[in-house]
Amino acid sequence: MPDPYLCPNCKTNKTRFNLIEQVATPVRLDPNTGSIVENFADRSPDPFHLPYRGPELKVQCAVCGVIDDEIAFIKRAQSMAKQIP
């Protein structure tokens, strides 16, 4: 079951959000030109290339524009629910 959101910044928005799916593409760049030398999308990167371990989803408040991890929006909504008798 999905959790309600509340913007941790403006603290008023409970309904308008942009869900941002993050898809990491591991690549190796040329240090001089910045062009992609190697794309590891089809195979594992070399041992010196750490895999992406960040969140798969970010949330943007469509009222004030703040972008944060989904958990920040969920926790703000839970915190406000506890304050309301």
Protein backbone atom coordinates (compact mmCIF):
# COMPACT_ATOMS: atom_id res chain seq x y z
CA MET A 1 0.00 0.00 0.00
CA PRO A 2 1.41 3.41 -0.93
CA ASP A 3 2.25 5.96 1.75
CA PRO A 4 0.95 9.54 1.83
CA TYR A 5 3.40 12.35 1.08
CA LEU A 6 3.78 15.81 2.58
CA CYS A 7 6.40 18.22 1.28
CA PRO A 8 9.18 18.63 3.88
CA ASN A 9 9.91 22.13 2.60
CA CYS A 10 6.61 23.99 2.10
CA LYS A 11 4.71 21.69 4.51
CA THR A 12 1.40 22.30 2.75
CA ASN A 13 1.43 20.18 -0.40
CA LYS A 14 -0.09 16.72 0.00
CA THR A 15 -1.28 16.08 -3.56
CA ARG A 16 0.99 17.45 -6.31
CA PHE A 17 4.30 15.71 -6.89
CA ASN A 18 6.65 14.64 -9.68
CA LEU A 19 8.13 11.14 -9.31
CA ILE A 20 11.62 10.97 -10.77
CA GLU A 21 12.92 7.51 -11.62
CA GLN A 22 16.69 7.32 -11.52
CA VAL A 23 18.40 4.96 -13.93
CA ALA A 24 22.16 4.80 -13.59
CA THR A 25 24.26 3.98 -16.66
CA PRO A 26 27.83 3.01 -15.79
CA VAL A 27 30.29 4.52 -18.27
CA ARG A 28 33.97 5.39 -18.56
CA LEU A 29 34.77 8.85 -19.93
CA ASP A 30 37.76 10.24 -21.78
CA PRO A 31 39.42 12.62 -19.25
CA ASN A 32 40.30 15.20 -21.92
CA THR A 33 37.14 15.38 -24.02
CA GLY A 34 34.48 14.01 -21.68
CA SER A 35 33.18 11.69 -24.37
CA ILE A 36 32.08 8.17 -23.48
CA VAL A 37 34.89 5.68 -24.08
CA GLU A 38 33.17 2.62 -22.67
CA ASN A 39 29.56 1.84 -21.76
CA PHE A 40 29.08 -0.91 -19.19
CA ALA A 41 25.30 -1.23 -19.68
CA ASP A 42 25.57 -4.70 -21.24
CA ARG A 43 28.22 -6.10 -18.91
CA SER A 44 29.72 -5.56 -15.48
CA PRO A 45 32.08 -2.66 -14.98
CA ASP A 46 35.71 -3.20 -14.12
CA PRO A 47 36.69 -3.82 -10.46
CA PHE A 48 37.49 -0.13 -9.85
CA HIS A 49 34.00 1.04 -10.85
CA LEU A 50 31.58 1.07 -7.90
CA PRO A 51 27.95 0.34 -8.77
CA TYR A 52 25.27 2.97 -8.14
CA ARG A 53 23.74 2.49 -4.70
CA GLY A 54 21.47 5.52 -4.51
CA PRO A 55 17.69 5.61 -4.43
CA GLU A 56 15.71 4.45 -7.45
CA LEU A 57 13.10 7.14 -6.87
CA LYS A 58 13.29 10.84 -6.07
CA VAL A 59 10.26 13.06 -5.48
CA GLN A 60 9.79 16.70 -6.46
CA CYS A 61 7.15 18.87 -4.84
CA ALA A 62 5.14 20.35 -7.72
CA VAL A 63 4.31 23.41 -5.58
CA CYS A 64 7.68 24.64 -4.28
CA GLY A 65 10.03 22.55 -6.47
CA VAL A 66 12.13 20.90 -3.74
CA ILE A 67 13.60 17.51 -4.72
CA ASP A 68 14.43 14.89 -2.09
CA ASP A 69 14.37 11.16 -1.41
CA GLU A 70 10.91 9.64 -1.22
CA ILE A 71 11.42 8.76 2.45
CA ALA A 72 11.65 12.47 3.40
CA PHE A 73 8.15 13.10 2.00
CA ILE A 74 6.76 9.98 3.72
CA LYS A 75 8.35 10.80 7.08
CA ARG A 76 7.01 14.39 6.98
CA ALA A 77 3.48 13.06 6.37
CA GLN A 78 3.83 10.53 9.22
CA SER A 79 5.13 13.23 11.56
CA MET A 80 2.17 15.53 10.80
CA ALA A 81 -0.31 12.65 11.24
CA LYS A 82 1.02 12.10 14.78
CA GLN A 83 0.53 15.80 15.65
CA ILE A 84 -3.14 15.83 14.61
CA PRO A 85 -5.34 14.43 17.41
